[in-house]
């Protein structure tokens, strides 16, 4: 059995997407370090079965976008040979920030669309 590196694993599971917001953990540190901020979602999005009829689509939402006062539109192309757009309202983004799942129907491309159920982890 071959061990996968973290990078290889993430590339395989996220379709090679470059936007990954992961919390890093490190060693060391000092007692004089300020207290850490409350934990917030490291990544938000959808892949696999969270995209209906999925054939390679992936959605990634930057945690900073969860505070947006305007609608945000994202590409879900991922490893698929075509793209779809999904748009989240500020209310949708607030629901994600609060830990709720949100389902959005993508734009129609090549005669089909997808229901994309996003969540934050």
PDB file of N, CA and C in Angstrom:
ATOM      1  N   UNK A   1       0.846  -1.165   0.000  1.00  0.00           N
ATOM      2  CA  UNK A   1       0.000   0.000   0.000  1.00  0.00           C
ATOM      3  C   UNK A   1       0.896   1.233   0.000  1.00  0.00           C
ATOM      4  N   UNK A   2       0.633   2.175  -0.883  1.00  0.00           N
ATOM      5  CA  UNK A   2       1.444   3.376  -1.005  1.00  0.00           C
ATOM      6  C   UNK A   2       0.815   4.511  -0.218  1.00  0.00           C
ATOM      7  N   UNK A   3       1.632   5.192   0.575  1.00  0.00           N
ATOM      8  CA  UNK A   3       1.126   6.333   1.352  1.00  0.00           C
ATOM      9  C   UNK A   3       1.043   7.553   0.450  1.00  0.00           C
ATOM     10  N   UNK A   4      -0.048   8.292   0.567  1.00  0.00           N
ATOM     11  CA  UNK A   4      -0.235   9.527  -0.191  1.00  0.00           C
ATOM     12  C   UNK A   4       0.254  10.696   0.631  1.00  0.00           C
ATOM     13  N   UNK A   5       0.892  11.647  -0.043  1.00  0.00           N
ATOM     14  CA  UNK A   5       1.236  12.882   0.645  1.00  0.00           C
ATOM     15  C   UNK A   5      -0.034  13.700   0.823  1.00  0.00           C
ATOM     16  N   UNK A   6      -0.001  14.670   1.715  1.00  0.00           N
ATOM     17  CA  UNK A   6      -1.163  15.546   1.936  1.00  0.00           C
ATOM     18  C   UNK A   6      -1.545  16.233   0.641  1.00  0.00           C
ATOM     19  N   UNK A   7      -0.541  16.729  -0.110  1.00  0.00           N
ATOM     20  CA  UNK A   7      -0.806  17.419  -1.372  1.00  0.00           C
ATOM     21  C   UNK A   7      -1.467  16.479  -2.380  1.00  0.00           C
ATOM     22  N   UNK A   8      -0.967  15.258  -2.506  1.00  0.00           N
ATOM     23  CA  UNK A   8      -1.543  14.300  -3.450  1.00  0.00           C
ATOM     24  C   UNK A   8      -2.975  13.945  -3.058  1.00  0.00           C
ATOM     25  N   UNK A   9      -3.209  13.763  -1.755  1.00  0.00           N
ATOM     26  CA  UNK A   9      -4.558  13.462  -1.285  1.00  0.00           C
ATOM     27  C   UNK A   9      -5.512  14.601  -1.615  1.00  0.00           C
ATOM     28  N   UNK A  10      -5.104  15.836  -1.311  1.00  0.00           N
ATOM     29  CA  UNK A  10      -5.979  16.981  -1.577  1.00  0.00           C
ATOM     30  C   UNK A  10      -6.219  17.162  -3.061  1.00  0.00           C
ATOM     31  N   UNK A  11      -5.202  16.972  -3.877  1.00  0.00           N
ATOM     32  CA  UNK A  11      -5.386  17.066  -5.326  1.00  0.00           C
ATOM     33  C   UNK A  11      -6.370  16.019  -5.825  1.00  0.00           C
ATOM     34  N   UNK A  12      -6.293  14.819  -5.271  1.00  0.00           N
ATOM     35  CA  UNK A  12      -7.187  13.743  -5.702  1.00  0.00           C
ATOM     36  C   UNK A  12      -8.625  13.999  -5.267  1.00  0.00           C
ATOM     37  N   UNK A  13      -8.812  14.521  -4.060  1.00  0.00           N
ATOM     38  CA  UNK A  13     -10.165  14.709  -3.559  1.00  0.00           C
ATOM     39  C   UNK A  13     -10.794  16.021  -3.961  1.00  0.00           C
ATOM     40  N   UNK A  14      -9.998  17.005  -4.302  1.00  0.00           N
ATOM     41  CA  UNK A  14     -10.534  18.317  -4.640  1.00  0.00           C
ATOM     42  C   UNK A  14     -10.300  18.676  -6.101  1.00  0.00           C
ATOM     43  N   UNK A  15      -9.993  17.716  -6.930  1.00  0.00           N
ATOM     44  CA  UNK A  15      -9.845  17.979  -8.351  1.00  0.00           C
ATOM     45  C   UNK A  15      -8.673  18.887  -8.666  1.00  0.00           C
ATOM     46  N   UNK A  16      -7.657  18.942  -7.833  1.00  0.00           N
ATOM     47  CA  UNK A  16      -6.483  19.746  -8.102  1.00  0.00           C
ATOM     48  C   UNK A  16      -6.704  21.232  -7.907  1.00  0.00           C
ATOM     49  N   UNK A  17      -7.789  21.602  -7.302  1.00  0.00           N
ATOM     50  CA  UNK A  17      -8.084  23.023  -7.127  1.00  0.00           C
ATOM     51  C   UNK A  17      -7.057  23.676  -6.217  1.00  0.00           C
ATOM     52  N   UNK A  18      -6.677  24.886  -6.544  1.00  0.00           N
ATOM     53  CA  UNK A  18      -5.640  25.573  -5.794  1.00  0.00           C
ATOM     54  C   UNK A  18      -6.171  26.288  -4.558  1.00  0.00           C
ATOM     55  N   UNK A  19      -7.468  26.524  -4.473  1.00  0.00           N
ATOM     56  CA  UNK A  19      -8.012  27.283  -3.347  1.00  0.00           C
ATOM     57  C   UNK A  19      -8.410  26.340  -2.230  1.00  0.00           C
ATOM     58  N   UNK A  20      -7.515  26.196  -1.277  1.00  0.00           N
ATOM     59  CA  UNK A  20      -7.817  25.416  -0.088  1.00  0.00           C
ATOM     60  C   UNK A  20      -7.424  26.244   1.112  1.00  0.00           C
ATOM     61  N   UNK A  21      -8.340  26.423   2.010  1.00  0.00           N
ATOM     62  CA  UNK A  21      -8.061  27.194   3.209  1.00  0.00           C
ATOM     63  C   UNK A  21      -8.049  26.233   4.375  1.00  0.00           C
ATOM     64  N   UNK A  22      -6.875  25.799   4.758  1.00  0.00           N
ATOM     65  CA  UNK A  22      -6.757  24.800   5.806  1.00  0.00           C
ATOM     66  C   UNK A  22      -6.090  25.411   7.022  1.00  0.00           C
ATOM     67  N   UNK A  23      -6.574  25.039   8.196  1.00  0.00           N
ATOM     68  CA  UNK A  23      -5.908  25.466   9.414  1.00  0.00           C
ATOM     69  C   UNK A  23      -4.630  24.669   9.563  1.00  0.00           C
ATOM     70  N   UNK A  24      -3.535  25.359   9.843  1.00  0.00           N
ATOM     71  CA  UNK A  24      -2.261  24.693  10.050  1.00  0.00           C
ATOM     72  C   UNK A  24      -2.084  24.441  11.533  1.00  0.00           C
ATOM     73  N   UNK A  25      -1.417  23.352  11.857  1.00  0.00           N
ATOM     74  CA  UNK A  25      -1.088  23.132  13.253  1.00  0.00           C
ATOM     75  C   UNK A  25       0.417  22.998  13.323  1.00  0.00           C
ATOM     76  N   UNK A  26       0.991  23.565  14.309  1.00  0.00           N
ATOM     77  CA  UNK A  26       2.445  23.544  14.421  1.00  0.00           C
ATOM     78  C   UNK A  26       2.851  23.203  15.828  1.00  0.00           C
ATOM     79  N   UNK A  27       4.119  22.980  15.974  1.00  0.00           N
ATOM     80  CA  UNK A  27       4.652  22.662  17.283  1.00  0.00           C
ATOM     81  C   UNK A  27       5.260  23.889  17.903  1.00  0.00           C
ATOM     82  N   UNK A  28       5.757  23.718  19.083  1.00  0.00           N
ATOM     83  CA  UNK A  28       6.457  24.810  19.754  1.00  0.00           C
ATOM     84  C   UNK A  28       5.497  25.852  20.256  1.00  0.00           C
ATOM     85  N   UNK A  29       5.917  27.070  20.137  1.00  0.00           N
ATOM     86  CA  UNK A  29       5.084  28.159  20.622  1.00  0.00           C
ATOM     87  C   UNK A  29       5.600  28.617  21.961  1.00  0.00           C
ATOM     88  N   UNK A  30       4.969  29.624  22.487  1.00  0.00           N
ATOM     89  CA  UNK A  30       5.413  30.153  23.753  1.00  0.00           C
ATOM     90  C   UNK A  30       4.204  30.543  24.568  1.00  0.00           C
ATOM     91  N   UNK A  31       4.411  30.644  25.878  1.00  0.00           N
ATOM     92  CA  UNK A  31       3.323  31.039  26.758  1.00  0.00           C
ATOM     93  C   UNK A  31       2.899  32.480  26.540  1.00  0.00           C
ATOM     94  N   UNK A  32       3.735  33.272  25.866  1.00  0.00           N
ATOM     95  CA  UNK A  32       3.408  34.672  25.657  1.00  0.00           C
ATOM     96  C   UNK A  32       2.581  34.907  24.398  1.00  0.00           C
ATOM     97  N   UNK A  33       2.226  33.845  23.702  1.00  0.00           N
ATOM     98  CA  UNK A  33       1.416  33.973  22.490  1.00  0.00           C
ATOM     99  C   UNK A  33       0.016  34.419  22.875  1.00  0.00           C
ATOM    100  N   UNK A  34      -0.605  35.306  22.067  1.00  0.00           N
ATOM    101  CA  UNK A  34      -1.972  35.709  22.375  1.00  0.00           C
ATOM    102  C   UNK A  34      -2.928  34.527  22.232  1.00  0.00           C
ATOM    103  N   UNK A  35      -4.045  34.616  22.900  1.00  0.00           N
ATOM    104  CA  UNK A  35      -5.053  33.554  22.821  1.00  0.00           C
ATOM    105  C   UNK A  35      -5.565  33.451  21.396  1.00  0.00           C
ATOM    106  N   UNK A  36      -5.813  32.243  20.957  1.00  0.00           N
ATOM    107  CA  UNK A  36      -6.308  32.010  19.593  1.00  0.00           C
ATOM    108  C   UNK A  36      -7.739  32.502  19.472  1.00  0.00           C
ATOM    109  N   UNK A  37      -8.056  32.972  18.284  1.00  0.00           N
ATOM    110  CA  UNK A  37      -9.428  33.383  17.997  1.00  0.00           C
ATOM    111  C   UNK A  37     -10.313  32.145  17.992  1.00  0.00           C
ATOM    112  N   UNK A  38     -11.611  32.304  18.208  1.00  0.00           N
ATOM    113  CA  UNK A  38     -12.514  31.147  18.152  1.00  0.00           C
ATOM    114  C   UNK A  38     -12.398  30.461  16.796  1.00  0.00           C
ATOM    115  N   UNK A  39     -12.522  29.156  16.791  1.00  0.00           N
ATOM    116  CA  UNK A  39     -12.398  28.384  15.555  1.00  0.00           C
ATOM    117  C   UNK A  39     -13.477  28.799  14.559  1.00  0.00           C
ATOM    118  N   UNK A  40     -13.075  28.944  13.306  1.00  0.00           N
ATOM    119  CA  UNK A  40     -14.021  29.241  12.241  1.00  0.00           C
ATOM    120  C   UNK A  40     -13.819  28.191  11.154  1.00  0.00           C
ATOM    121  N   UNK A  41     -14.793  28.040  10.303  1.00  0.00           N
ATOM    122  CA  UNK A  41     -14.711  27.039   9.246  1.00  0.00           C
ATOM    123  C   UNK A  41     -13.434  27.212   8.448  1.00  0.00           C
ATOM    124  N   UNK A  42     -12.739  26.118   8.205  1.00  0.00           N
ATOM    125  CA  UNK A  42     -11.524  26.156   7.405  1.00  0.00           C
ATOM    126  C   UNK A  42     -11.869  26.139   5.923  1.00  0.00           C
ATOM    127  N   UNK A  43     -12.812  25.338   5.530  1.00  0.00           N
ATOM    128  CA  UNK A  43     -13.210  25.276   4.127  1.00  0.00           C
ATOM    129  C   UNK A  43     -14.727  25.187   4.040  1.00  0.00           C
ATOM    130  N   UNK A  44     -15.229  25.720   2.985  1.00  0.00           N
ATOM    131  CA  UNK A  44     -16.654  25.614   2.701  1.00  0.00           C
ATOM    132  C   UNK A  44     -16.793  25.203   1.251  1.00  0.00           C
ATOM    133  N   UNK A  45     -17.769  24.390   0.971  1.00  0.00           N
ATOM    134  CA  UNK A  45     -17.981  24.008  -0.407  1.00  0.00           C
ATOM    135  C   UNK A  45     -18.720  22.699  -0.549  1.00  0.00           C
ATOM    136  N   UNK A  46     -18.500  22.062  -1.692  1.00  0.00           N
ATOM    137  CA  UNK A  46     -19.194  20.822  -2.011  1.00  0.00           C
ATOM    138  C   UNK A  46     -18.400  20.044  -3.043  1.00  0.00           C
ATOM    139  N   UNK A  47     -18.473  18.744  -2.966  1.00  0.00           N
ATOM    140  CA  UNK A  47     -17.895  17.859  -3.979  1.00  0.00           C
ATOM    141  C   UNK A  47     -18.584  16.508  -3.837  1.00  0.00           C
ATOM    142  N   UNK A  48     -18.230  15.595  -4.700  1.00  0.00           N
ATOM    143  CA  UNK A  48     -18.798  14.254  -4.620  1.00  0.00           C
ATOM    144  C   UNK A  48     -20.310  14.261  -4.640  1.00  0.00           C
ATOM    145  N   UNK A  49     -20.924  13.534  -3.696  1.00  0.00           N
ATOM    146  CA  UNK A  49     -22.377  13.375  -3.662  1.00  0.00           C
ATOM    147  C   UNK A  49     -23.107  14.657  -3.276  1.00  0.00           C
ATOM    148  N   UNK A  50     -22.393  15.670  -2.792  1.00  0.00           N
ATOM    149  CA  UNK A  50     -23.044  16.935  -2.449  1.00  0.00           C
ATOM    150  C   UNK A  50     -23.401  17.730  -3.700  1.00  0.00           C
ATOM    151  N   UNK A  51     -22.994  17.222  -4.866  1.00  0.00           N
ATOM    152  CA  UNK A  51     -23.360  17.816  -6.153  1.00  0.00           C
ATOM    153  C   UNK A  51     -24.169  16.748  -6.894  1.00  0.00           C
ATOM    154  N   UNK A  52     -25.462  16.995  -7.107  1.00  0.00           N
ATOM    155  CA  UNK A  52     -26.306  15.973  -7.730  1.00  0.00           C
ATOM    156  C   UNK A  52     -25.799  15.638  -9.133  1.00  0.00           C
ATOM    157  N   UNK A  53     -25.822  14.355  -9.468  1.00  0.00           N
ATOM    158  CA  UNK A  53     -25.376  13.915 -10.788  1.00  0.00           C
ATOM    159  C   UNK A  53     -23.941  14.316 -11.080  1.00  0.00           C
ATOM    160  N   UNK A  54     -23.120  14.343 -10.056  1.00  0.00           N
ATOM    161  CA  UNK A  54     -21.762  14.874 -10.201  1.00  0.00           C
ATOM    162  C   UNK A  54     -20.907  14.043 -11.145  1.00  0.00           C
ATOM    163  N   UNK A  55     -20.136  14.754 -11.949  1.00  0.00           N
ATOM    164  CA  UNK A  55     -19.164  14.126 -12.827  1.00  0.00           C
ATOM    165  C   UNK A  55     -17.886  14.963 -12.818  1.00  0.00           C
ATOM    166  N   UNK A  56     -17.421  15.260 -11.604  1.00  0.00           N
ATOM    167  CA  UNK A  56     -16.149  15.952 -11.431  1.00  0.00           C
ATOM    168  C   UNK A  56     -16.235  17.378 -10.921  1.00  0.00           C
ATOM    169  N   UNK A  57     -17.438  17.879 -10.669  1.00  0.00           N
ATOM    170  CA  UNK A  57     -17.578  19.262 -10.212  1.00  0.00           C
ATOM    171  C   UNK A  57     -17.193  19.417  -8.739  1.00  0.00           C
ATOM    172  N   UNK A  58     -16.603  20.574  -8.420  1.00  0.00           N
ATOM    173  CA  UNK A  58     -16.179  20.890  -7.065  1.00  0.00           C
ATOM    174  C   UNK A  58     -16.437  22.359  -6.798  1.00  0.00           C
ATOM    175  N   UNK A  59     -16.907  22.675  -5.617  1.00  0.00           N
ATOM    176  CA  UNK A  59     -17.128  24.056  -5.199  1.00  0.00           C
ATOM    177  C   UNK A  59     -16.275  24.340  -3.980  1.00  0.00           C
ATOM    178  N   UNK A  60     -15.550  25.444  -4.028  1.00  0.00           N
ATOM    179  CA  UNK A  60     -14.790  25.905  -2.873  1.00  0.00           C
ATOM    180  C   UNK A  60     -15.153  27.357  -2.609  1.00  0.00           C
ATOM    181  N   UNK A  61     -15.442  27.672  -1.358  1.00  0.00           N
ATOM    182  CA  UNK A  61     -15.807  29.028  -0.951  1.00  0.00           C
ATOM    183  C   UNK A  61     -14.799  29.485   0.093  1.00  0.00           C
ATOM    184  N   UNK A  62     -14.178  30.630  -0.144  1.00  0.00           N
ATOM    185  CA  UNK A  62     -13.236  31.180   0.820  1.00  0.00           C
ATOM    186  C   UNK A  62     -13.990  31.572   2.097  1.00  0.00           C
ATOM    187  N   UNK A  63     -13.422  31.265   3.245  1.00  0.00           N
ATOM    188  CA  UNK A  63     -14.064  31.599   4.516  1.00  0.00           C
ATOM    189  C   UNK A  63     -14.331  33.100   4.607  1.00  0.00           C
ATOM    190  N   UNK A  64     -13.480  33.926   4.029  1.00  0.00           N
ATOM    191  CA  UNK A  64     -13.674  35.381   4.064  1.00  0.00           C
ATOM    192  C   UNK A  64     -14.959  35.789   3.351  1.00  0.00           C
ATOM    193  N   UNK A  65     -15.400  35.005   2.379  1.00  0.00           N
ATOM    194  CA  UNK A  65     -16.626  35.319   1.638  1.00  0.00           C
ATOM    195  C   UNK A  65     -17.884  35.170   2.489  1.00  0.00           C
ATOM    196  N   UNK A  66     -17.790  34.469   3.598  1.00  0.00           N
ATOM    197  CA  UNK A  66     -18.967  34.223   4.424  1.00  0.00           C
ATOM    198  C   UNK A  66     -19.519  35.509   5.041  1.00  0.00           C
ATOM    199  N   UNK A  67     -18.723  36.561   5.073  1.00  0.00           N
ATOM    200  CA  UNK A  67     -19.156  37.852   5.609  1.00  0.00           C
ATOM    201  C   UNK A  67     -19.559  38.825   4.508  1.00  0.00           C
ATOM    202  N   UNK A  68     -19.672  38.370   3.282  1.00  0.00           N
ATOM    203  CA  UNK A  68     -19.976  39.251   2.164  1.00  0.00           C
ATOM    204  C   UNK A  68     -21.367  39.867   2.281  1.00  0.00           C
ATOM    205  N   UNK A  69     -21.446  41.148   1.926  1.00  0.00           N
ATOM    206  CA  UNK A  69     -22.738  41.848   1.912  1.00  0.00           C
ATOM    207  C   UNK A  69     -23.360  41.827   0.516  1.00  0.00           C
ATOM    208  N   UNK A  70     -22.681  41.194  -0.434  1.00  0.00           N
ATOM    209  CA  UNK A  70     -23.191  41.084  -1.802  1.00  0.00           C
ATOM    210  C   UNK A  70     -23.178  39.614  -2.213  1.00  0.00           C
ATOM    211  N   UNK A  71     -24.001  39.270  -3.198  1.00  0.00           N
ATOM    212  CA  UNK A  71     -24.037  37.894  -3.699  1.00  0.00           C
ATOM    213  C   UNK A  71     -22.675  37.532  -4.294  1.00  0.00           C
ATOM    214  N   UNK A  72     -22.313  36.277  -4.173  1.00  0.00           N
ATOM    215  CA  UNK A  72     -21.045  35.766  -4.705  1.00  0.00           C
ATOM    216  C   UNK A  72     -21.343  34.626  -5.665  1.00  0.00           C
ATOM    217  N   UNK A  73     -20.696  34.652  -6.829  1.00  0.00           N
ATOM    218  CA  UNK A  73     -20.856  33.605  -7.837  1.00  0.00           C
ATOM    219  C   UNK A  73     -19.557  32.828  -7.946  1.00  0.00           C
ATOM    220  N   UNK A  74     -19.684  31.500  -7.988  1.00  0.00           N
ATOM    221  CA  UNK A  74     -18.527  30.606  -8.011  1.00  0.00           C
ATOM    222  C   UNK A  74     -18.621  29.638  -9.188  1.00  0.00           C
ATOM    223  N   UNK A  75     -17.468  29.241  -9.677  1.00  0.00           N
ATOM    224  CA  UNK A  75     -17.340  28.197 -10.679  1.00  0.00           C
ATOM    225  C   UNK A  75     -17.315  26.851  -9.971  1.00  0.00           C
ATOM    226  N   UNK A  76     -17.963  25.852 -10.554  1.00  0.00           N
ATOM    227  CA  UNK A  76     -17.877  24.495  -9.984  1.00  0.00           C
ATOM    228  C   UNK A  76     -17.234  23.531 -10.980  1.00  0.00           C
ATOM    229  N   UNK A  77     -16.438  24.035 -11.914  1.00  0.00           N
ATOM    230  CA  UNK A  77     -15.879  23.160 -12.942  1.00  0.00           C
ATOM    231  C   UNK A  77     -15.111  21.986 -12.362  1.00  0.00           C
ATOM    232  N   UNK A  78     -14.202  22.229 -11.441  1.00  0.00           N
ATOM    233  CA  UNK A  78     -13.417  21.128 -10.882  1.00  0.00           C
ATOM    234  C   UNK A  78     -12.739  20.340 -11.978  1.00  0.00           C
ATOM    235  N   UNK A  79     -12.888  19.015 -11.961  1.00  0.00           N
ATOM    236  CA  UNK A  79     -12.268  18.143 -12.953  1.00  0.00           C
ATOM    237  C   UNK A  79     -13.199  17.852 -14.131  1.00  0.00           C
ATOM    238  N   UNK A  80     -14.393  18.443 -14.121  1.00  0.00           N
ATOM    239  CA  UNK A  80     -15.345  18.226 -15.226  1.00  0.00           C
ATOM    240  C   UNK A  80     -14.856  18.935 -16.481  1.00  0.00           C
ATOM    241  N   UNK A  81     -15.318  18.505 -17.614  1.00  0.00           N
ATOM    242  CA  UNK A  81     -14.928  19.104 -18.889  1.00  0.00           C
ATOM    243  C   UNK A  81     -15.711  20.355 -19.243  1.00  0.00           C
ATOM    244  N   UNK A  82     -16.544  20.827 -18.347  1.00  0.00           N
ATOM    245  CA  UNK A  82     -17.341  22.036 -18.574  1.00  0.00           C
ATOM    246  C   UNK A  82     -17.616  22.683 -17.221  1.00  0.00           C
ATOM    247  N   UNK A  83     -18.127  23.889 -17.262  1.00  0.00           N
ATOM    248  CA  UNK A  83     -18.327  24.649 -16.038  1.00  0.00           C
ATOM    249  C   UNK A  83     -19.800  24.955 -15.809  1.00  0.00           C
ATOM    250  N   UNK A  84     -20.143  25.208 -14.580  1.00  0.00           N
ATOM    251  CA  UNK A  84     -21.441  25.746 -14.178  1.00  0.00           C
ATOM    252  C   UNK A  84     -21.146  26.840 -13.160  1.00  0.00           C
ATOM    253  N   UNK A  85     -22.024  27.808 -13.062  1.00  0.00           N
ATOM    254  CA  UNK A  85     -21.908  28.848 -12.043  1.00  0.00           C
ATOM    255  C   UNK A  85     -22.978  28.617 -10.982  1.00  0.00           C
ATOM    256  N   UNK A  86     -22.634  28.909  -9.733  1.00  0.00           N
ATOM    257  CA  UNK A  86     -23.602  28.907  -8.641  1.00  0.00           C
ATOM    258  C   UNK A  86     -23.469  30.239  -7.914  1.00  0.00           C
ATOM    259  N   UNK A  87     -24.606  30.815  -7.547  1.00  0.00           N
ATOM    260  CA  UNK A  87     -24.602  32.111  -6.875  1.00  0.00           C
ATOM    261  C   UNK A  87     -25.232  31.980  -5.500  1.00  0.00           C
ATOM    262  N   UNK A  88     -24.516  32.470  -4.496  1.00  0.00           N
ATOM    263  CA  UNK A  88     -24.972  32.467  -3.115  1.00  0.00           C
ATOM    264  C   UNK A  88     -25.289  33.898  -2.695  1.00  0.00           C
ATOM    265  N   UNK A  89     -26.473  34.099  -2.131  1.00  0.00           N
ATOM    266  CA  UNK A  89     -26.854  35.411  -1.614  1.00  0.00           C
ATOM    267  C   UNK A  89     -26.117  35.653  -0.291  1.00  0.00           C
ATOM    268  N   UNK A  90     -26.098  36.896   0.189  1.00  0.00           N
ATOM    269  CA  UNK A  90     -25.508  37.133   1.511  1.00  0.00           C
ATOM    270  C   UNK A  90     -26.186  36.285   2.598  1.00  0.00           C
ATOM    271  N   UNK A  91     -27.496  36.076   2.489  1.00  0.00           N
ATOM    272  CA  UNK A  91     -28.208  35.230   3.453  1.00  0.00           C
ATOM    273  C   UNK A  91     -27.732  33.784   3.402  1.00  0.00           C
ATOM    274  N   UNK A  92     -27.491  33.273   2.184  1.00  0.00           N
ATOM    275  CA  UNK A  92     -26.968  31.906   2.035  1.00  0.00           C
ATOM    276  C   UNK A  92     -25.605  31.789   2.709  1.00  0.00           C
ATOM    277  N   UNK A  93     -24.758  32.798   2.495  1.00  0.00           N
ATOM    278  CA  UNK A  93     -23.407  32.780   3.061  1.00  0.00           C
ATOM    279  C   UNK A  93     -23.456  32.840   4.589  1.00  0.00           C
ATOM    280  N   UNK A  94     -24.396  33.595   5.136  1.00  0.00           N
ATOM    281  CA  UNK A  94     -24.564  33.660   6.586  1.00  0.00           C
ATOM    282  C   UNK A  94     -25.011  32.308   7.147  1.00  0.00           C
ATOM    283  N   UNK A  95     -25.891  31.613   6.418  1.00  0.00           N
ATOM    284  CA  UNK A  95     -26.318  30.279   6.852  1.00  0.00           C
ATOM    285  C   UNK A  95     -25.124  29.329   6.893  1.00  0.00           C
ATOM    286  N   UNK A  96     -24.264  29.399   5.862  1.00  0.00           N
ATOM    287  CA  UNK A  96     -23.069  28.559   5.863  1.00  0.00           C
ATOM    288  C   UNK A  96     -22.191  28.879   7.065  1.00  0.00           C
ATOM    289  N   UNK A  97     -22.008  30.162   7.328  1.00  0.00           N
ATOM    290  CA  UNK A  97     -21.176  30.587   8.455  1.00  0.00           C
ATOM    291  C   UNK A  97     -21.744  30.064   9.767  1.00  0.00           C
ATOM    292  N   UNK A  98     -23.062  29.983   9.867  1.00  0.00           N
ATOM    293  CA  UNK A  98     -23.720  29.493  11.080  1.00  0.00           C
ATOM    294  C   UNK A  98     -23.715  27.966  11.169  1.00  0.00           C
ATOM    295  N   UNK A  99     -23.120  27.297  10.186  1.00  0.00           N
ATOM    296  CA  UNK A  99     -23.018  25.841  10.235  1.00  0.00           C
ATOM    297  C   UNK A  99     -24.140  25.103   9.539  1.00  0.00           C
ATOM    298  N   UNK A 100     -25.011  25.820   8.839  1.00  0.00           N
ATOM    299  CA  UNK A 100     -26.113  25.175   8.132  1.00  0.00           C
ATOM    300  C   UNK A 100     -25.687  24.779   6.722  1.00  0.00           C
ATOM    301  N   UNK A 101     -26.380  23.812   6.146  1.00  0.00           N
ATOM    302  CA  UNK A 101     -26.166  23.441   4.748  1.00  0.00           C
ATOM    303  C   UNK A 101     -27.086  24.296   3.878  1.00  0.00           C
ATOM    304  N   UNK A 102     -26.597  24.637   2.685  1.00  0.00           N
ATOM    305  CA  UNK A 102     -27.368  25.437   1.734  1.00  0.00           C
ATOM    306  C   UNK A 102     -27.325  24.728   0.387  1.00  0.00           C
ATOM    307  N   UNK A 103     -28.489  24.575  -0.258  1.00  0.00           N
ATOM    308  CA  UNK A 103     -28.552  23.947  -1.577  1.00  0.00           C
ATOM    309  C   UNK A 103     -28.915  25.008  -2.611  1.00  0.00           C
ATOM    310  N   UNK A 104     -28.095  25.093  -3.659  1.00  0.00           N
ATOM    311  CA  UNK A 104     -28.254  26.045  -4.753  1.00  0.00           C
ATOM    312  C   UNK A 104     -28.299  25.248  -6.056  1.00  0.00           C
ATOM    313  N   UNK A 105     -29.156  25.635  -6.975  1.00  0.00           N
ATOM    314  CA  UNK A 105     -29.166  25.011  -8.297  1.00  0.00           C
ATOM    315  C   UNK A 105     -28.224  25.803  -9.192  1.00  0.00           C
ATOM    316  N   UNK A 106     -27.337  25.084  -9.862  1.00  0.00           N
ATOM    317  CA  UNK A 106     -26.357  25.726 -10.740  1.00  0.00           C
ATOM    318  C   UNK A 106     -27.018  26.260 -12.001  1.00  0.00           C
ATOM    319  N   UNK A 107     -26.273  27.082 -12.712  1.00  0.00           N
ATOM    320  CA  UNK A 107     -26.696  27.518 -14.041  1.00  0.00           C
ATOM    321  C   UNK A 107     -26.702  26.301 -14.966  1.00  0.00           C
ATOM    322  N   UNK A 108     -27.537  26.320 -15.974  1.00  0.00           N
ATOM    323  CA  UNK A 108     -27.617  25.226 -16.939  1.00  0.00           C
ATOM    324  C   UNK A 108     -26.507  25.372 -17.975  1.00  0.00           C
ATOM    325  N   UNK A 109     -25.772  24.293 -18.184  1.00  0.00           N
ATOM    326  CA  UNK A 109     -24.708  24.226 -19.184  1.00  0.00           C
ATOM    327  C   UNK A 109     -24.832  22.883 -19.884  1.00  0.00           C
ATOM    328  N   UNK A 110     -24.690  22.868 -21.189  1.00  0.00           N
ATOM    329  CA  UNK A 110     -24.783  21.628 -21.963  1.00  0.00           C
ATOM    330  C   UNK A 110     -26.075  20.870 -21.657  1.00  0.00           C
ATOM    331  N   UNK A 111     -27.148  21.608 -21.437  1.00  0.00           N
ATOM    332  CA  UNK A 111     -28.456  21.006 -21.242  1.00  0.00           C
ATOM    333  C   UNK A 111     -28.729  20.402 -19.881  1.00  0.00           C
ATOM    334  N   UNK A 112     -27.885  20.683 -18.891  1.00  0.00           N
ATOM    335  CA  UNK A 112     -28.148  20.146 -17.556  1.00  0.00           C
ATOM    336  C   UNK A 112     -27.672  21.118 -16.477  1.00  0.00           C
ATOM    337  N   UNK A 113     -28.193  20.899 -15.269  1.00  0.00           N
ATOM    338  CA  UNK A 113     -27.743  21.660 -14.117  1.00  0.00           C
ATOM    339  C   UNK A 113     -27.506  20.690 -12.967  1.00  0.00           C
ATOM    340  N   UNK A 114     -27.071  21.227 -11.826  1.00  0.00           N
ATOM    341  CA  UNK A 114     -26.793  20.413 -10.643  1.00  0.00           C
ATOM    342  C   UNK A 114     -27.334  21.115  -9.409  1.00  0.00           C
ATOM    343  N   UNK A 115     -27.854  20.350  -8.477  1.00  0.00           N
ATOM    344  CA  UNK A 115     -28.140  20.872  -7.140  1.00  0.00           C
ATOM    345  C   UNK A 115     -26.864  20.715  -6.333  1.00  0.00           C
ATOM    346  N   UNK A 116     -26.386  21.833  -5.812  1.00  0.00           N
ATOM    347  CA  UNK A 116     -25.113  21.855  -5.084  1.00  0.00           C
ATOM    348  C   UNK A 116     -25.431  22.137  -3.610  1.00  0.00           C
ATOM    349  N   UNK A 117     -25.142  21.174  -2.747  1.00  0.00           N
ATOM    350  CA  UNK A 117     -25.382  21.345  -1.326  1.00  0.00           C
ATOM    351  C   UNK A 117     -24.044  21.658  -0.651  1.00  0.00           C
ATOM    352  N   UNK A 118     -23.891  22.919  -0.267  1.00  0.00           N
ATOM    353  CA  UNK A 118     -22.653  23.386   0.337  1.00  0.00           C
ATOM    354  C   UNK A 118     -22.739  23.340   1.849  1.00  0.00           C
ATOM    355  N   UNK A 119     -21.594  23.131   2.472  1.00  0.00           N
ATOM    356  CA  UNK A 119     -21.495  23.178   3.933  1.00  0.00           C
ATOM    357  C   UNK A 119     -20.080  23.592   4.286  1.00  0.00           C
ATOM    358  N   UNK A 120     -19.884  23.977   5.533  1.00  0.00           N
ATOM    359  CA  UNK A 120     -18.562  24.377   6.011  1.00  0.00           C
ATOM    360  C   UNK A 120     -18.088  23.378   7.053  1.00  0.00           C
ATOM    361  N   UNK A 121     -16.792  23.116   7.033  1.00  0.00           N
ATOM    362  CA  UNK A 121     -16.199  22.191   7.998  1.00  0.00           C
ATOM    363  C   UNK A 121     -15.042  22.873   8.717  1.00  0.00           C
TER     364      UNK A 121
END
